[in-house]
N, C-alpha and C. Protein backbone atom coordinates (compact mmCIF):
# COMPACT_ATOMS: atom_id res chain seq x y z
N MET A 1 214.23 18.16 173.60
CA MET A 1 214.26 16.71 173.75
C MET A 1 213.79 16.26 172.06
N ASN A 2 214.61 16.56 171.39
CA ASN A 2 214.13 15.60 169.59
C ASN A 2 214.25 14.28 169.21
N HIS A 3 215.08 13.89 170.35
CA HIS A 3 215.39 12.44 169.64
C HIS A 3 214.17 11.62 170.12
N PRO A 4 213.87 10.48 169.02
CA PRO A 4 212.50 9.85 169.23
C PRO A 4 212.58 8.95 170.33
N LEU A 5 213.81 8.40 170.84
CA LEU A 5 213.88 7.61 171.74
C LEU A 5 213.79 8.16 173.47
N LEU A 6 213.99 9.53 173.47
CA LEU A 6 214.06 10.26 174.12
C LEU A 6 212.31 10.50 174.45
N GLN A 7 211.66 10.78 173.22
CA GLN A 7 210.38 10.90 173.28
C GLN A 7 209.39 9.92 173.89
N LEU A 8 209.81 8.73 173.28
CA LEU A 8 209.24 7.42 174.06
C LEU A 8 209.41 7.29 175.30
N ILE A 9 210.59 7.71 175.73
CA ILE A 9 210.53 6.79 177.24
C ILE A 9 210.19 7.97 177.61
N TRP A 10 209.97 9.32 177.50
CA TRP A 10 209.23 10.23 177.97
C TRP A 10 207.55 10.17 178.24
N ARG A 11 207.33 9.73 176.98
CA ARG A 11 205.59 9.16 177.00
C ARG A 11 205.37 7.95 177.79
N TRP A 12 206.36 7.35 177.99
CA TRP A 12 205.88 6.26 178.72
C TRP A 12 205.96 6.56 180.23
N ALA A 13 206.90 7.43 181.16
CA ALA A 13 206.83 8.16 182.00
C ALA A 13 205.71 8.68 182.35
N VAL A 14 205.31 9.39 181.18
CA VAL A 14 204.01 10.00 181.79
C VAL A 14 202.86 8.84 181.48
N LEU A 15 202.68 8.24 181.01
CA LEU A 15 201.51 7.44 181.01
C LEU A 15 201.87 6.42 182.36
N ALA A 16 202.97 5.99 182.57
CA ALA A 16 203.00 5.38 184.19
C ALA A 16 202.63 6.19 185.07
N VAL A 17 202.90 7.57 185.04
CA VAL A 17 201.80 8.47 186.23
C VAL A 17 200.88 8.51 186.28
N GLY A 18 200.44 8.72 184.79
CA GLY A 18 198.71 8.41 184.87
C GLY A 18 198.04 7.47 185.67
N VAL A 19 198.92 5.94 184.92
CA VAL A 19 198.05 4.62 185.50
C VAL A 19 198.29 4.79 187.09
N THR A 20 199.26 4.86 187.49
CA THR A 20 199.58 5.07 189.08
C THR A 20 198.76 5.97 189.82
N LEU A 21 198.40 7.31 189.37
CA LEU A 21 197.58 8.22 189.32
C LEU A 21 196.08 7.50 189.51
N ALA A 22 195.62 6.97 188.57
CA ALA A 22 194.32 6.53 188.50
C ALA A 22 194.28 5.34 189.33
N SER A 23 195.16 4.51 189.93
CA SER A 23 195.26 3.33 190.83
C SER A 23 194.95 3.92 192.00
N HIS A 24 195.23 5.09 192.85
CA HIS A 24 195.33 5.89 193.76
C HIS A 24 193.77 6.82 193.69
N VAL A 25 193.15 6.91 192.64
CA VAL A 25 192.17 7.77 192.75
C VAL A 25 191.14 7.36 192.55
N VAL A 26 191.11 6.37 191.35
CA VAL A 26 189.97 5.30 191.14
C VAL A 26 189.56 4.46 191.67
N PRO A 27 188.31 4.29 192.65
CA PRO A 27 188.08 3.32 193.49
C PRO A 27 188.03 1.72 192.48
N GLY A 28 188.54 0.56 192.33
CA GLY A 28 188.64 -0.28 191.73
C GLY A 28 189.80 -0.54 190.59
N ILE A 29 190.72 0.34 191.11
CA ILE A 29 192.12 -0.20 190.17
C ILE A 29 192.80 -0.12 190.76
N ALA A 30 193.45 -1.25 190.83
CA ALA A 30 194.88 -1.40 191.79
C ALA A 30 196.30 -2.22 191.17
N TYR A 31 197.23 -2.22 191.43
CA TYR A 31 198.33 -2.95 191.28
C TYR A 31 198.96 -3.49 192.10
N ASP A 32 199.55 -4.68 191.95
CA ASP A 32 200.30 -5.46 193.18
C ASP A 32 201.66 -4.74 193.37
N VAL A 33 202.62 -5.02 192.62
CA VAL A 33 203.92 -4.47 192.55
C VAL A 33 203.98 -3.63 191.87
N PRO A 34 204.97 -3.13 191.60
CA PRO A 34 205.40 -1.82 191.22
C PRO A 34 206.18 -1.87 189.48
N ARG A 35 206.45 -3.29 189.81
CA ARG A 35 207.13 -3.76 188.47
C ARG A 35 205.93 -4.21 187.34
N THR A 36 204.61 -4.27 187.96
CA THR A 36 203.34 -4.78 187.17
C THR A 36 202.99 -3.39 186.00
N LEU A 37 203.65 -2.01 186.65
CA LEU A 37 203.39 -0.69 185.91
C LEU A 37 203.83 -0.86 184.62
N LEU A 38 205.23 -1.76 184.91
CA LEU A 38 205.82 -1.33 183.43
C LEU A 38 205.11 -2.41 182.26
N VAL A 39 204.63 -3.41 182.51
CA VAL A 39 204.02 -4.27 182.17
C VAL A 39 202.80 -3.73 181.16
N VAL A 40 202.21 -2.93 182.14
CA VAL A 40 200.72 -2.33 181.97
C VAL A 40 201.12 -0.72 181.04
N VAL A 41 202.12 -0.35 181.54
CA VAL A 41 202.53 0.80 180.04
C VAL A 41 203.11 0.28 178.88
N LEU A 42 203.88 -0.82 178.99
CA LEU A 42 203.97 -1.20 177.58
C LEU A 42 202.88 -1.85 176.48
N LEU A 43 202.03 -2.73 177.20
CA LEU A 43 200.85 -3.24 176.93
C LEU A 43 199.83 -1.87 176.52
N LEU A 44 199.55 -1.03 177.05
CA LEU A 44 198.71 0.13 176.95
C LEU A 44 199.04 0.75 175.74
N SER A 45 200.55 0.98 176.00
CA SER A 45 201.49 1.82 174.52
C SER A 45 200.93 1.09 173.33
N PHE A 46 201.24 -0.45 173.11
CA PHE A 46 201.21 -1.37 172.45
C PHE A 46 199.48 -0.75 171.29
N PHE A 47 199.06 -1.43 172.55
CA PHE A 47 197.40 -1.32 172.15
C PHE A 47 196.64 -0.05 171.74
N ASN A 48 197.76 1.12 171.98
CA ASN A 48 197.08 2.47 171.88
C ASN A 48 197.74 2.76 170.49
N ALA A 49 198.80 2.23 170.09
CA ALA A 49 199.43 2.05 168.55
C ALA A 49 199.04 1.43 167.61
N VAL A 50 198.69 0.05 167.79
CA VAL A 50 198.26 -0.67 167.19
C VAL A 50 196.37 -0.36 166.95
N LEU A 51 195.94 -1.60 167.85
CA LEU A 51 194.46 -1.47 167.97
C LEU A 51 193.67 -0.41 168.11
N LYS A 52 194.01 0.76 168.41
CA LYS A 52 193.27 1.81 168.84
C LYS A 52 192.83 2.40 167.30
N PRO A 53 193.80 2.47 166.59
CA PRO A 53 193.63 3.32 164.89
C PRO A 53 192.30 2.65 164.22
N ILE A 54 192.48 1.02 164.58
CA ILE A 54 191.79 0.28 163.86
C ILE A 54 190.59 0.52 164.76
N LEU A 55 190.11 0.55 165.98
CA LEU A 55 188.73 0.85 166.15
C LEU A 55 188.48 1.59 166.09
N VAL A 56 189.26 3.00 166.29
CA VAL A 56 188.47 4.07 165.55
C VAL A 56 187.94 4.31 164.30
N ILE A 57 189.15 3.62 163.37
CA ILE A 57 188.16 3.79 161.92
C ILE A 57 187.16 2.67 161.58
N PHE A 58 186.97 1.64 162.57
CA PHE A 58 185.60 0.85 162.54
C PHE A 58 184.43 1.80 163.07
N THR A 59 184.76 2.32 164.20
CA THR A 59 183.86 3.17 165.03
C THR A 59 183.62 4.26 164.57
N LEU A 60 184.18 5.28 163.58
CA LEU A 60 183.88 6.44 163.23
C LEU A 60 182.51 6.89 163.37
N PRO A 61 181.47 6.62 162.20
CA PRO A 61 180.21 7.47 162.37
C PRO A 61 179.99 7.60 164.13
N PHE A 62 180.07 6.51 164.86
CA PHE A 62 179.97 6.56 166.58
C PHE A 62 180.86 7.59 166.95
N ILE A 63 181.90 7.91 166.43
CA ILE A 63 182.59 8.83 167.13
C ILE A 63 182.28 10.13 166.65
N VAL A 64 181.76 10.20 165.41
CA VAL A 64 181.40 11.61 164.98
C VAL A 64 180.05 11.60 165.72
N LEU A 65 179.30 10.95 165.70
CA LEU A 65 177.80 11.25 166.20
C LEU A 65 178.00 11.66 167.72
N THR A 66 178.67 11.08 168.26
CA THR A 66 178.98 11.53 170.25
C THR A 66 179.87 12.66 170.43
N LEU A 67 180.03 13.38 169.11
CA LEU A 67 181.18 14.40 168.77
C LEU A 67 182.50 13.57 170.04
N GLY A 68 183.65 12.93 169.79
CA GLY A 68 184.41 12.31 170.28
C GLY A 68 184.18 11.58 171.53
N LEU A 69 183.49 11.44 172.01
CA LEU A 69 182.93 10.95 173.12
C LEU A 69 183.50 9.07 172.96
N GLY A 70 183.03 8.85 171.98
CA GLY A 70 183.14 7.52 171.36
C GLY A 70 184.97 6.75 171.72
N VAL A 71 185.89 7.80 171.46
CA VAL A 71 187.24 7.43 171.75
C VAL A 71 187.46 7.26 173.26
N VAL A 72 186.61 8.25 174.14
CA VAL A 72 187.04 7.89 175.63
C VAL A 72 186.35 6.34 175.76
N LEU A 73 185.17 5.97 174.85
CA LEU A 73 185.10 4.85 174.99
C LEU A 73 186.00 3.41 174.98
N ILE A 74 186.64 3.99 173.91
CA ILE A 74 187.55 3.08 173.03
C ILE A 74 188.79 3.12 173.96
N ASN A 75 189.00 4.21 174.87
CA ASN A 75 190.55 4.11 175.86
C ASN A 75 189.79 3.48 176.69
N ALA A 76 188.62 3.70 177.28
CA ALA A 76 188.22 2.79 178.66
C ALA A 76 188.35 1.13 178.02
N LEU A 77 187.65 0.64 177.24
CA LEU A 77 187.63 -0.58 176.79
C LEU A 77 189.55 -0.91 176.73
N LEU A 78 190.05 -0.41 176.29
CA LEU A 78 191.79 -0.99 176.23
C LEU A 78 192.23 -0.84 177.19
N PHE A 79 191.77 -0.05 178.09
CA PHE A 79 192.43 0.27 179.99
C PHE A 79 191.74 -1.49 180.67
N LEU A 80 190.50 -1.89 180.05
CA LEU A 80 189.71 -2.89 180.99
C LEU A 80 190.33 -3.96 180.29
N PHE A 81 191.03 -4.28 178.74
CA PHE A 81 191.75 -5.34 178.24
C PHE A 81 192.58 -5.67 178.71
N VAL A 82 193.55 -4.44 179.04
CA VAL A 82 195.08 -4.38 179.66
C VAL A 82 194.84 -5.24 181.27
N GLY A 83 193.68 -4.57 181.86
CA GLY A 83 193.24 -5.07 183.40
C GLY A 83 193.00 -6.33 183.22
N ARG A 84 192.49 -6.92 181.97
CA ARG A 84 192.07 -8.67 182.06
C ARG A 84 193.38 -9.74 181.60
N LEU A 85 194.25 -8.95 181.11
CA LEU A 85 195.50 -9.39 180.24
C LEU A 85 196.65 -9.63 181.85
N VAL A 86 196.83 -8.58 182.42
CA VAL A 86 197.95 -8.32 183.10
C VAL A 86 197.61 -8.88 183.91
N GLU A 87 198.52 -9.90 184.86
CA GLU A 87 198.19 -10.69 186.22
C GLU A 87 199.12 -9.75 187.03
N GLY A 88 197.94 -9.14 188.53
CA GLY A 88 198.80 -8.56 189.13
C GLY A 88 198.39 -6.92 189.01
N PHE A 89 197.15 -6.47 187.94
CA PHE A 89 196.65 -5.21 187.70
C PHE A 89 195.29 -5.59 187.59
N HIS A 90 194.22 -4.80 188.23
CA HIS A 90 193.41 -5.16 188.52
C HIS A 90 191.99 -3.88 188.14
N VAL A 91 191.38 -4.42 187.34
CA VAL A 91 190.29 -3.00 186.74
C VAL A 91 189.01 -3.93 187.40
N GLN A 92 188.05 -3.24 188.10
CA GLN A 92 187.12 -4.25 188.63
C GLN A 92 185.67 -4.06 187.52
N GLY A 93 185.82 -3.12 186.60
CA GLY A 93 184.78 -3.31 185.91
C GLY A 93 184.92 -1.77 184.78
N PHE A 94 183.77 -1.82 183.86
CA PHE A 94 183.97 -0.80 183.18
C PHE A 94 183.97 0.48 183.51
N TRP A 95 183.26 1.01 184.87
CA TRP A 95 182.99 2.18 185.12
C TRP A 95 184.37 2.53 185.54
N SER A 96 185.01 1.65 186.67
CA SER A 96 186.61 1.91 187.07
C SER A 96 187.55 2.46 185.86
N ALA A 97 187.48 1.40 184.61
CA ALA A 97 187.89 1.38 183.36
C ALA A 97 188.15 2.95 182.70
N LEU A 98 186.83 3.35 182.75
CA LEU A 98 186.51 4.75 182.14
C LEU A 98 187.14 5.85 182.85
N GLY A 99 187.38 5.81 184.45
CA GLY A 99 187.38 6.39 185.18
C GLY A 99 189.11 6.93 185.28
N GLY A 100 189.78 5.28 185.01
CA GLY A 100 191.33 5.22 185.03
C GLY A 100 191.53 6.08 183.16
N ALA A 101 191.10 5.72 182.41
CA ALA A 101 191.26 6.15 181.09
C ALA A 101 191.02 7.77 181.39
N VAL A 102 189.93 8.23 181.59
CA VAL A 102 190.11 9.73 181.79
C VAL A 102 190.95 10.37 182.64
N ILE A 103 191.63 9.49 183.67
CA ILE A 103 192.55 10.39 184.34
C ILE A 103 193.95 9.91 183.91
N VAL A 104 194.11 9.14 182.91
CA VAL A 104 195.36 8.79 182.22
C VAL A 104 195.09 9.83 181.00
N SER A 105 194.30 9.94 180.34
CA SER A 105 193.56 11.16 179.31
C SER A 105 194.52 12.42 180.04
N LEU A 106 194.09 12.42 180.95
CA LEU A 106 194.07 14.23 181.70
C LEU A 106 195.55 14.01 181.99
N THR A 107 195.98 13.08 182.41
CA THR A 107 197.63 13.19 183.14
C THR A 107 198.54 13.66 181.53
N ASN A 108 198.11 12.61 180.47
CA ASN A 108 198.70 12.79 179.25
C ASN A 108 198.74 14.39 178.86
N LEU A 109 197.14 15.03 178.55
CA LEU A 109 197.50 16.40 178.15
C LEU A 109 198.22 17.19 178.91
N PHE A 110 198.06 16.93 179.95
CA PHE A 110 198.80 18.14 181.34
C PHE A 110 200.36 17.83 181.23
N LEU A 111 200.51 16.71 181.44
CA LEU A 111 202.24 16.90 181.16
C LEU A 111 202.60 16.76 180.01
N LEU A 112 202.48 16.05 179.02
CA LEU A 112 202.60 16.10 177.70
C LEU A 112 202.82 17.90 177.11
N GLY A 113 201.58 18.67 177.51
CA GLY A 113 201.46 20.06 177.10
C GLY A 113 202.30 20.42 178.01
N LEU A 114 203.13 20.27 179.34
CA LEU A 114 203.96 21.24 179.64
C LEU A 114 205.43 20.98 179.29
N MET A 115 205.60 19.49 178.67
CA MET A 115 206.48 19.34 177.55
C MET A 115 206.91 19.94 176.80
N SER A 116 205.80 20.13 175.87
CA SER A 116 206.06 21.07 174.39
C SER A 116 205.90 22.30 174.93
N GLY A 117 205.45 22.95 176.04
CA GLY A 117 205.63 24.07 176.43
C GLY A 117 204.81 25.60 175.43
N GLY A 118 203.40 24.72 174.60
CA GLY A 118 203.04 25.19 173.95
C GLY A 118 201.96 25.14 172.77
N PRO A 119 201.78 25.62 171.86
CA PRO A 119 200.68 24.60 171.06
C PRO A 119 200.96 23.71 170.67
N PRO A 120 200.36 22.26 170.38
CA PRO A 120 200.81 21.12 169.83
C PRO A 120 201.85 21.19 168.69
N SER A 121 201.69 21.96 167.99
CA SER A 121 202.49 21.94 166.59
C SER A 121 203.66 22.27 167.02
N GLY A 122 203.86 23.02 168.18
CA GLY A 122 205.24 24.03 168.84
C GLY A 122 205.56 25.30 167.93
N ARG A 123 204.66 26.17 167.32
CA ARG A 123 204.57 26.63 166.65
C ARG A 123 203.59 28.01 166.97
N SER A 124 203.81 29.37 166.93
CA SER A 124 202.59 30.32 167.64
C SER A 124 202.89 31.38 167.05
N GLY A 125 201.67 31.46 166.40
CA GLY A 125 201.35 32.75 165.34
C GLY A 125 201.80 32.26 164.14
N PRO A 126 201.35 33.36 162.92
CA PRO A 126 201.58 32.77 161.34
C PRO A 126 203.06 32.71 160.77
N PRO A 127 203.18 32.09 160.34
CA PRO A 127 204.48 31.46 159.76
C PRO A 127 205.31 32.86 159.07
N SER A 128 206.69 32.79 159.25
CA SER A 128 207.37 34.10 158.76
C SER A 128 207.87 33.78 157.27
N LYS A 129 207.95 34.87 156.89
CA LYS A 129 208.31 34.32 155.47
C LYS A 129 209.67 34.79 155.09
N ARG A 130 210.39 34.39 153.98
CA ARG A 130 211.89 34.54 154.24
C ARG A 130 212.29 35.74 153.68
N LYS A 131 213.19 36.28 153.90
CA LYS A 131 213.81 37.51 153.22
C LYS A 131 213.72 37.33 151.39
N GLY A 132 213.70 38.06 150.84
CA GLY A 132 213.39 38.30 149.50
C GLY A 132 212.93 37.67 148.78
N ARG A 133 212.20 36.66 149.67
CA ARG A 133 210.84 35.79 148.58
C ARG A 133 209.61 36.24 149.03
N SER A 134 208.86 36.07 147.96
CA SER A 134 206.99 36.62 148.08
C SER A 134 206.63 35.29 148.00
N GLU A 135 206.91 34.22 147.89
CA GLU A 135 206.17 33.09 147.44
C GLU A 135 205.58 32.87 148.49
N ASP A 136 204.43 31.82 148.19
CA ASP A 136 203.75 31.47 149.43
C ASP A 136 204.03 30.00 149.92
N VAL A 137 204.32 29.83 150.98
CA VAL A 137 204.66 28.54 151.68
C VAL A 137 203.67 27.63 152.11
N ILE A 138 203.49 26.49 152.18
CA ILE A 138 202.67 25.75 152.96
C ILE A 138 203.20 25.32 154.13
N ASP A 139 202.90 25.69 155.19
CA ASP A 139 203.47 25.42 156.77
C ASP A 139 203.21 24.65 157.34
N VAL A 140 203.39 22.91 157.48
CA VAL A 140 202.39 21.82 157.77
C VAL A 140 203.35 21.60 159.40
């Protein structure tokens, strides 16, 4: 699945599964109709692509100080923000948003990990050398 459009659709589907799971597991998160999930997924994707990097830059010292826990708080705030913006998607408060963000993150980690089938870079083990060449290669 190397095509960027297919990867985007797969990520949206995984995000939709995560939000649906969060609405069933976490008390205080609910949606009225399944069509609402489409709007929630699109907004969460947009906010994760645009707002999250800006928030991470501004809160980088806090994130480093909390050993990465600040990113979870940013995810929860974005989840809460989407709950306030989308009519028909209900997030009761910060703790519900935090639980929902954790469920969505774990779902993404698990399902996208299954899709890649290995390490995040898609490579396992040291890079192999080409035949007949002994030069060093930077493998990114």
